[in-house]
Each structure stands twice: as C-alpha cells, then as structure tokens.
C-alpha cells in the first residue's frame, strides 16, 4: 500500500543522508537561518510502500537515541522522540 510519511524536527541532515543512501523516494523542506546565513532541513517527506518505509525508519531510529523528531503517517502521529 502506498503511503506518505512526514518527519519534522531539528538535525535531520543525517536522516536525509541515510534515506538517500537507502534509495528512498523523498522530498525535503528547508528552514533558512538568517543569523548564520544557512539553510537546514526542517522536514523530510517519504513516499512509497508502508512496510518498506517503516523498516528503513526503524533501522535508522534504532541507531539514534535522543533525537527531537515527530513521525507522521497519513496525518496521524506515529511516534515522537524527545531529546534525552
């Protein structure tokens, strides 16, 4: 079943690289930091088969602890990780 997963938070650059390396179909939203004249990833949206997306996300989040992120699937919050 095709689904859409949105992940919003800070420090998503590493997740983006991980998903890109896994060959996932994704879209990225950027936030411009005017103090440092830089852009950072503020959200990542994935498209594809639900089971495949969940397997890749679980692989990633098993390696990551204490990230401030929220994972939403089809407009329903699946899980939220607050920093330790």
PDB file of N, CA and C in Angstrom:
ATOM      1  N   UNK A   1       0.841  -1.170   0.000  1.00  0.00           N
ATOM      2  CA  UNK A   1       0.000   0.000   0.000  1.00  0.00           C
ATOM      3  C   UNK A   1       0.895   1.245   0.000  1.00  0.00           C
ATOM      4  N   UNK A   2       0.652   2.154  -0.927  1.00  0.00           N
ATOM      5  CA  UNK A   2       1.415   3.398  -0.993  1.00  0.00           C
ATOM      6  C   UNK A   2       1.012   4.300   0.159  1.00  0.00           C
ATOM      7  N   UNK A   3       1.990   4.945   0.746  1.00  0.00           N
ATOM      8  CA  UNK A   3       1.727   5.836   1.874  1.00  0.00           C
ATOM      9  C   UNK A   3       2.704   6.997   1.840  1.00  0.00           C
ATOM     10  N   UNK A   4       2.431   7.986   2.672  1.00  0.00           N
ATOM     11  CA  UNK A   4       3.272   9.178   2.787  1.00  0.00           C
ATOM     12  C   UNK A   4       3.645   9.341   4.252  1.00  0.00           C
ATOM     13  N   UNK A   5       4.921   9.542   4.517  1.00  0.00           N
ATOM     14  CA  UNK A   5       5.411   9.705   5.884  1.00  0.00           C
ATOM     15  C   UNK A   5       6.130  11.043   5.979  1.00  0.00           C
ATOM     16  N   UNK A   6       5.747  11.862   6.965  1.00  0.00           N
ATOM     17  CA  UNK A   6       6.401  13.150   7.197  1.00  0.00           C
ATOM     18  C   UNK A   6       7.159  13.099   8.512  1.00  0.00           C
ATOM     19  N   UNK A   7       8.385  13.591   8.489  1.00  0.00           N
ATOM     20  CA  UNK A   7       9.215  13.652   9.685  1.00  0.00           C
ATOM     21  C   UNK A   7       9.687  15.093   9.819  1.00  0.00           C
ATOM     22  N   UNK A   8       9.362  15.716  10.954  1.00  0.00           N
ATOM     23  CA  UNK A   8       9.753  17.101  11.186  1.00  0.00           C
ATOM     24  C   UNK A   8      10.578  17.183  12.459  1.00  0.00           C
ATOM     25  N   UNK A   9      11.524  18.100  12.470  1.00  0.00           N
ATOM     26  CA  UNK A   9      12.348  18.281  13.658  1.00  0.00           C
ATOM     27  C   UNK A   9      13.654  18.962  13.313  1.00  0.00           C
ATOM     28  N   UNK A  10      14.589  18.906  14.237  1.00  0.00           N
ATOM     29  CA  UNK A  10      15.909  19.501  14.031  1.00  0.00           C
ATOM     30  C   UNK A  10      16.930  18.396  13.840  1.00  0.00           C
ATOM     31  N   UNK A  11      18.005  18.709  13.153  1.00  0.00           N
ATOM     32  CA  UNK A  11      19.083  17.743  12.966  1.00  0.00           C
ATOM     33  C   UNK A  11      18.730  16.604  12.031  1.00  0.00           C
ATOM     34  N   UNK A  12      17.960  16.890  10.994  1.00  0.00           N
ATOM     35  CA  UNK A  12      17.513  15.839  10.075  1.00  0.00           C
ATOM     36  C   UNK A  12      18.474  15.578   8.919  1.00  0.00           C
ATOM     37  N   UNK A  13      19.591  16.281   8.881  1.00  0.00           N
ATOM     38  CA  UNK A  13      20.541  16.098   7.785  1.00  0.00           C
ATOM     39  C   UNK A  13      21.068  14.665   7.734  1.00  0.00           C
ATOM     40  N   UNK A  14      21.362  14.099   8.897  1.00  0.00           N
ATOM     41  CA  UNK A  14      21.868  12.726   8.954  1.00  0.00           C
ATOM     42  C   UNK A  14      20.802  11.735   8.489  1.00  0.00           C
ATOM     43  N   UNK A  15      19.553  11.952   8.889  1.00  0.00           N
ATOM     44  CA  UNK A  15      18.449  11.098   8.437  1.00  0.00           C
ATOM     45  C   UNK A  15      18.297  11.201   6.924  1.00  0.00           C
ATOM     46  N   UNK A  16      18.363  12.412   6.405  1.00  0.00           N
ATOM     47  CA  UNK A  16      18.246  12.612   4.961  1.00  0.00           C
ATOM     48  C   UNK A  16      19.317  11.812   4.213  1.00  0.00           C
ATOM     49  N   UNK A  17      20.555  11.896   4.660  1.00  0.00           N
ATOM     50  CA  UNK A  17      21.645  11.144   4.007  1.00  0.00           C
ATOM     51  C   UNK A  17      21.403   9.637   4.103  1.00  0.00           C
ATOM     52  N   UNK A  18      20.939   9.168   5.263  1.00  0.00           N
ATOM     53  CA  UNK A  18      20.649   7.751   5.467  1.00  0.00           C
ATOM     54  C   UNK A  18      19.573   7.284   4.483  1.00  0.00           C
ATOM     55  N   UNK A  19      18.482   8.054   4.375  1.00  0.00           N
ATOM     56  CA  UNK A  19      17.383   7.683   3.482  1.00  0.00           C
ATOM     57  C   UNK A  19      17.804   7.736   2.021  1.00  0.00           C
ATOM     58  N   UNK A  20      18.591   8.733   1.682  1.00  0.00           N
ATOM     59  CA  UNK A  20      19.086   8.858   0.310  1.00  0.00           C
ATOM     60  C   UNK A  20      19.981   7.666  -0.036  1.00  0.00           C
ATOM     61  N   UNK A  21      20.843   7.259   0.889  1.00  0.00           N
ATOM     62  CA  UNK A  21      21.710   6.094   0.680  1.00  0.00           C
ATOM     63  C   UNK A  21      20.905   4.811   0.505  1.00  0.00           C
ATOM     64  N   UNK A  22      19.734   4.742   1.150  1.00  0.00           N
ATOM     65  CA  UNK A  22      18.865   3.563   1.044  1.00  0.00           C
ATOM     66  C   UNK A  22      18.010   3.594  -0.225  1.00  0.00           C
ATOM     67  N   UNK A  23      18.111   4.697  -1.003  1.00  0.00           N
ATOM     68  CA  UNK A  23      17.357   4.805  -2.254  1.00  0.00           C
ATOM     69  C   UNK A  23      15.890   5.142  -2.078  1.00  0.00           C
ATOM     70  N   UNK A  24      15.534   5.772  -0.969  1.00  0.00           N
ATOM     71  CA  UNK A  24      14.137   6.120  -0.702  1.00  0.00           C
ATOM     72  C   UNK A  24      13.714   7.320  -1.546  1.00  0.00           C
ATOM     73  N   UNK A  25      12.440   7.332  -1.954  1.00  0.00           N
ATOM     74  CA  UNK A  25      11.858   8.467  -2.671  1.00  0.00           C
ATOM     75  C   UNK A  25      11.425   9.485  -1.619  1.00  0.00           C
ATOM     76  N   UNK A  26      12.019  10.691  -1.658  1.00  0.00           N
ATOM     77  CA  UNK A  26      11.704  11.661  -0.616  1.00  0.00           C
ATOM     78  C   UNK A  26      11.711  13.094  -1.113  1.00  0.00           C
ATOM     79  N   UNK A  27      11.096  13.947  -0.311  1.00  0.00           N
ATOM     80  CA  UNK A  27      11.030  15.378  -0.556  1.00  0.00           C
ATOM     81  C   UNK A  27      11.527  16.055   0.717  1.00  0.00           C
ATOM     82  N   UNK A  28      12.158  17.216   0.577  1.00  0.00           N
ATOM     83  CA  UNK A  28      12.774  17.887   1.720  1.00  0.00           C
ATOM     84  C   UNK A  28      12.254  19.316   1.829  1.00  0.00           C
ATOM     85  N   UNK A  29      12.005  19.759   3.065  1.00  0.00           N
ATOM     86  CA  UNK A  29      11.631  21.139   3.342  1.00  0.00           C
ATOM     87  C   UNK A  29      12.776  21.768   4.123  1.00  0.00           C
ATOM     88  N   UNK A  30      13.177  22.972   3.721  1.00  0.00           N
ATOM     89  CA  UNK A  30      14.297  23.657   4.366  1.00  0.00           C
ATOM     90  C   UNK A  30      13.816  24.837   5.195  1.00  0.00           C
ATOM     91  N   UNK A  31      14.580  25.158   6.235  1.00  0.00           N
ATOM     92  CA  UNK A  31      14.361  26.345   7.056  1.00  0.00           C
ATOM     93  C   UNK A  31      15.612  27.209   6.924  1.00  0.00           C
ATOM     94  N   UNK A  32      15.425  28.489   6.581  1.00  0.00           N
ATOM     95  CA  UNK A  32      16.560  29.386   6.427  1.00  0.00           C
ATOM     96  C   UNK A  32      16.888  30.033   7.770  1.00  0.00           C
ATOM     97  N   UNK A  33      18.141  29.913   8.192  1.00  0.00           N
ATOM     98  CA  UNK A  33      18.619  30.515   9.428  1.00  0.00           C
ATOM     99  C   UNK A  33      19.301  31.834   9.060  1.00  0.00           C
ATOM    100  N   UNK A  34      18.596  32.943   9.268  1.00  0.00           N
ATOM    101  CA  UNK A  34      19.131  34.241   8.849  1.00  0.00           C
ATOM    102  C   UNK A  34      20.313  34.707   9.695  1.00  0.00           C
ATOM    103  N   UNK A  35      20.460  34.181  10.912  1.00  0.00           N
ATOM    104  CA  UNK A  35      21.604  34.579  11.741  1.00  0.00           C
ATOM    105  C   UNK A  35      22.916  34.031  11.191  1.00  0.00           C
ATOM    106  N   UNK A  36      22.875  32.821  10.691  1.00  0.00           N
ATOM    107  CA  UNK A  36      24.086  32.179  10.184  1.00  0.00           C
ATOM    108  C   UNK A  36      24.125  32.109   8.660  1.00  0.00           C
ATOM    109  N   UNK A  37      23.120  32.710   8.014  1.00  0.00           N
ATOM    110  CA  UNK A  37      23.019  32.696   6.551  1.00  0.00           C
ATOM    111  C   UNK A  37      23.194  31.281   5.997  1.00  0.00           C
ATOM    112  N   UNK A  38      22.396  30.381   6.550  1.00  0.00           N
ATOM    113  CA  UNK A  38      22.458  28.990   6.109  1.00  0.00           C
ATOM    114  C   UNK A  38      21.053  28.394   6.104  1.00  0.00           C
ATOM    115  N   UNK A  39      20.922  27.271   5.431  1.00  0.00           N
ATOM    116  CA  UNK A  39      19.649  26.548   5.408  1.00  0.00           C
ATOM    117  C   UNK A  39      19.851  25.192   6.068  1.00  0.00           C
ATOM    118  N   UNK A  40      18.836  24.762   6.794  1.00  0.00           N
ATOM    119  CA  UNK A  40      18.888  23.436   7.401  1.00  0.00           C
ATOM    120  C   UNK A  40      17.593  22.706   7.070  1.00  0.00           C
ATOM    121  N   UNK A  41      17.657  21.398   7.056  1.00  0.00           N
ATOM    122  CA  UNK A  41      16.483  20.588   6.752  1.00  0.00           C
ATOM    123  C   UNK A  41      15.542  20.631   7.953  1.00  0.00           C
ATOM    124  N   UNK A  42      14.280  21.014   7.706  1.00  0.00           N
ATOM    125  CA  UNK A  42      13.302  21.079   8.792  1.00  0.00           C
ATOM    126  C   UNK A  42      12.268  19.958   8.709  1.00  0.00           C
ATOM    127  N   UNK A  43      12.150  19.325   7.541  1.00  0.00           N
ATOM    128  CA  UNK A  43      11.202  18.218   7.390  1.00  0.00           C
ATOM    129  C   UNK A  43      11.605  17.346   6.211  1.00  0.00           C
ATOM    130  N   UNK A  44      11.297  16.060   6.335  1.00  0.00           N
ATOM    131  CA  UNK A  44      11.546  15.088   5.273  1.00  0.00           C
ATOM    132  C   UNK A  44      10.233  14.354   5.046  1.00  0.00           C
ATOM    133  N   UNK A  45       9.815  14.246   3.778  1.00  0.00           N
ATOM    134  CA  UNK A  45       8.594  13.533   3.438  1.00  0.00           C
ATOM    135  C   UNK A  45       8.967  12.362   2.545  1.00  0.00           C
ATOM    136  N   UNK A  46       8.535  11.162   2.928  1.00  0.00           N
ATOM    137  CA  UNK A  46       8.823   9.941   2.175  1.00  0.00           C
ATOM    138  C   UNK A  46       7.556   9.433   1.501  1.00  0.00           C
ATOM    139  N   UNK A  47       7.732   8.812   0.335  1.00  0.00           N
ATOM    140  CA  UNK A  47       6.630   8.226  -0.405  1.00  0.00           C
ATOM    141  C   UNK A  47       6.994   6.793  -0.748  1.00  0.00           C
ATOM    142  N   UNK A  48       6.047   5.882  -0.639  1.00  0.00           N
ATOM    143  CA  UNK A  48       6.321   4.506  -1.024  1.00  0.00           C
ATOM    144  C   UNK A  48       5.474   3.511  -0.268  1.00  0.00           C
ATOM    145  N   UNK A  49       5.934   2.275  -0.276  1.00  0.00           N
ATOM    146  CA  UNK A  49       5.235   1.200   0.424  1.00  0.00           C
ATOM    147  C   UNK A  49       5.428   1.359   1.931  1.00  0.00           C
ATOM    148  N   UNK A  50       4.339   1.266   2.660  1.00  0.00           N
ATOM    149  CA  UNK A  50       4.358   1.485   4.109  1.00  0.00           C
ATOM    150  C   UNK A  50       5.359   0.564   4.814  1.00  0.00           C
ATOM    151  N   UNK A  51       5.347  -0.726   4.497  1.00  0.00           N
ATOM    152  CA  UNK A  51       6.241  -1.674   5.172  1.00  0.00           C
ATOM    153  C   UNK A  51       7.703  -1.334   4.913  1.00  0.00           C
ATOM    154  N   UNK A  52       8.026  -0.952   3.683  1.00  0.00           N
ATOM    155  CA  UNK A  52       9.407  -0.605   3.339  1.00  0.00           C
ATOM    156  C   UNK A  52       9.853   0.650   4.088  1.00  0.00           C
ATOM    157  N   UNK A  53       8.985   1.654   4.121  1.00  0.00           N
ATOM    158  CA  UNK A  53       9.310   2.901   4.819  1.00  0.00           C
ATOM    159  C   UNK A  53       9.515   2.639   6.311  1.00  0.00           C
ATOM    160  N   UNK A  54       8.611   1.890   6.914  1.00  0.00           N
ATOM    161  CA  UNK A  54       8.716   1.619   8.346  1.00  0.00           C
ATOM    162  C   UNK A  54       9.979   0.824   8.669  1.00  0.00           C
ATOM    163  N   UNK A  55      10.333  -0.129   7.821  1.00  0.00           N
ATOM    164  CA  UNK A  55      11.546  -0.922   8.059  1.00  0.00           C
ATOM    165  C   UNK A  55      12.789  -0.036   8.037  1.00  0.00           C
ATOM    166  N   UNK A  56      12.868   0.874   7.062  1.00  0.00           N
ATOM    167  CA  UNK A  56      14.024   1.767   6.958  1.00  0.00           C
ATOM    168  C   UNK A  56      14.067   2.724   8.143  1.00  0.00           C
ATOM    169  N   UNK A  57      12.918   3.285   8.530  1.00  0.00           N
ATOM    170  CA  UNK A  57      12.885   4.205   9.671  1.00  0.00           C
ATOM    171  C   UNK A  57      13.267   3.505  10.969  1.00  0.00           C
ATOM    172  N   UNK A  58      12.789   2.290  11.154  1.00  0.00           N
ATOM    173  CA  UNK A  58      13.154   1.557  12.369  1.00  0.00           C
ATOM    174  C   UNK A  58      14.644   1.251  12.390  1.00  0.00           C
ATOM    175  N   UNK A  59      15.217   0.918  11.234  1.00  0.00           N
ATOM    176  CA  UNK A  59      16.671   0.714  11.150  1.00  0.00           C
ATOM    177  C   UNK A  59      17.405   1.968  11.601  1.00  0.00           C
ATOM    178  N   UNK A  60      16.960   3.116  11.102  1.00  0.00           N
ATOM    179  CA  UNK A  60      17.625   4.377  11.429  1.00  0.00           C
ATOM    180  C   UNK A  60      17.461   4.728  12.908  1.00  0.00           C
ATOM    181  N   UNK A  61      16.230   4.689  13.421  1.00  0.00           N
ATOM    182  CA  UNK A  61      15.986   5.132  14.790  1.00  0.00           C
ATOM    183  C   UNK A  61      16.489   4.161  15.841  1.00  0.00           C
ATOM    184  N   UNK A  62      16.742   2.919  15.459  1.00  0.00           N
ATOM    185  CA  UNK A  62      17.405   2.001  16.386  1.00  0.00           C
ATOM    186  C   UNK A  62      18.827   2.487  16.671  1.00  0.00           C
ATOM    187  N   UNK A  63      19.431   3.161  15.692  1.00  0.00           N
ATOM    188  CA  UNK A  63      20.791   3.678  15.844  1.00  0.00           C
ATOM    189  C   UNK A  63      20.826   5.050  16.515  1.00  0.00           C
ATOM    190  N   UNK A  64      19.689   5.736  16.554  1.00  0.00           N
ATOM    191  CA  UNK A  64      19.634   7.107  17.055  1.00  0.00           C
ATOM    192  C   UNK A  64      18.845   7.162  18.352  1.00  0.00           C
ATOM    193  N   UNK A  65      19.402   7.756  19.353  1.00  0.00           N
ATOM    194  CA  UNK A  65      18.692   7.945  20.616  1.00  0.00           C
ATOM    195  C   UNK A  65      18.736   9.426  20.964  1.00  0.00           C
ATOM    196  N   UNK A  66      17.639   9.946  21.473  1.00  0.00           N
ATOM    197  CA  UNK A  66      17.611  11.324  21.934  1.00  0.00           C
ATOM    198  C   UNK A  66      17.417  12.366  20.856  1.00  0.00           C
ATOM    199  N   UNK A  67      16.877  11.988  19.703  1.00  0.00           N
ATOM    200  CA  UNK A  67      16.618  12.972  18.656  1.00  0.00           C
ATOM    201  C   UNK A  67      15.245  13.601  18.895  1.00  0.00           C
ATOM    202  N   UNK A  68      15.123  14.889  18.607  1.00  0.00           N
ATOM    203  CA  UNK A  68      13.860  15.602  18.751  1.00  0.00           C
ATOM    204  C   UNK A  68      13.134  15.544  17.412  1.00  0.00           C
ATOM    205  N   UNK A  69      12.340  14.504  17.194  1.00  0.00           N
ATOM    206  CA  UNK A  69      11.617  14.346  15.936  1.00  0.00           C
ATOM    207  C   UNK A  69      10.202  13.840  16.192  1.00  0.00           C
ATOM    208  N   UNK A  70       9.356  14.048  15.189  1.00  0.00           N
ATOM    209  CA  UNK A  70       7.994  13.542  15.217  1.00  0.00           C
ATOM    210  C   UNK A  70       7.743  12.869  13.883  1.00  0.00           C
ATOM    211  N   UNK A  71       7.245  11.639  13.893  1.00  0.00           N
ATOM    212  CA  UNK A  71       6.971  10.894  12.667  1.00  0.00           C
ATOM    213  C   UNK A  71       5.459  10.816  12.489  1.00  0.00           C
ATOM    214  N   UNK A  72       4.989  11.258  11.309  1.00  0.00           N
ATOM    215  CA  UNK A  72       3.570  11.283  10.992  1.00  0.00           C
ATOM    216  C   UNK A  72       3.317  10.429   9.762  1.00  0.00           C
ATOM    217  N   UNK A  73       2.343   9.539   9.845  1.00  0.00           N
ATOM    218  CA  UNK A  73       1.952   8.732   8.693  1.00  0.00           C
ATOM    219  C   UNK A  73       0.488   9.012   8.401  1.00  0.00           C
ATOM    220  N   UNK A  74       0.223   9.437   7.150  1.00  0.00           N
ATOM    221  CA  UNK A  74      -1.144   9.752   6.723  1.00  0.00           C
ATOM    222  C   UNK A  74      -1.856  10.657   7.730  1.00  0.00           C
ATOM    223  N   UNK A  75      -1.204  11.739   8.104  1.00  0.00           N
ATOM    224  CA  UNK A  75      -1.718  12.764   9.014  1.00  0.00           C
ATOM    225  C   UNK A  75      -1.957  12.273  10.441  1.00  0.00           C
ATOM    226  N   UNK A  76      -1.407  11.142  10.814  1.00  0.00           N
ATOM    227  CA  UNK A  76      -1.537  10.615  12.174  1.00  0.00           C
ATOM    228  C   UNK A  76      -0.142  10.466  12.776  1.00  0.00           C
ATOM    229  N   UNK A  77       0.082  11.075  13.939  1.00  0.00           N
ATOM    230  CA  UNK A  77       1.391  10.996  14.580  1.00  0.00           C
ATOM    231  C   UNK A  77       1.645   9.553  15.000  1.00  0.00           C
ATOM    232  N   UNK A  78       2.724   8.975  14.470  1.00  0.00           N
ATOM    233  CA  UNK A  78       3.066   7.596  14.786  1.00  0.00           C
ATOM    234  C   UNK A  78       3.900   7.535  16.061  1.00  0.00           C
ATOM    235  N   UNK A  79       4.968   8.331  16.096  1.00  0.00           N
ATOM    236  CA  UNK A  79       5.753   8.410  17.319  1.00  0.00           C
ATOM    237  C   UNK A  79       6.512   9.714  17.354  1.00  0.00           C
ATOM    238  N   UNK A  80       6.859  10.133  18.558  1.00  0.00           N
ATOM    239  CA  UNK A  80       7.615  11.361  18.759  1.00  0.00           C
ATOM    240  C   UNK A  80       8.775  11.026  19.673  1.00  0.00           C
ATOM    241  N   UNK A  81       9.968  11.424  19.274  1.00  0.00           N
ATOM    242  CA  UNK A  81      11.167  11.196  20.080  1.00  0.00           C
ATOM    243  C   UNK A  81      11.647  12.535  20.609  1.00  0.00           C
ATOM    244  N   UNK A  82      11.681  12.686  21.904  1.00  0.00           N
ATOM    245  CA  UNK A  82      12.193  13.905  22.521  1.00  0.00           C
ATOM    246  C   UNK A  82      13.641  13.678  22.927  1.00  0.00           C
ATOM    247  N   UNK A  83      14.457  14.737  22.919  1.00  0.00           N
ATOM    248  CA  UNK A  83      15.853  14.574  23.328  1.00  0.00           C
ATOM    249  C   UNK A  83      15.951  14.116  24.775  1.00  0.00           C
ATOM    250  N   UNK A  84      17.008  13.382  25.062  1.00  0.00           N
ATOM    251  CA  UNK A  84      17.225  12.881  26.430  1.00  0.00           C
ATOM    252  C   UNK A  84      17.588  14.002  27.363  1.00  0.00           C
TER     253      UNK A  84
END
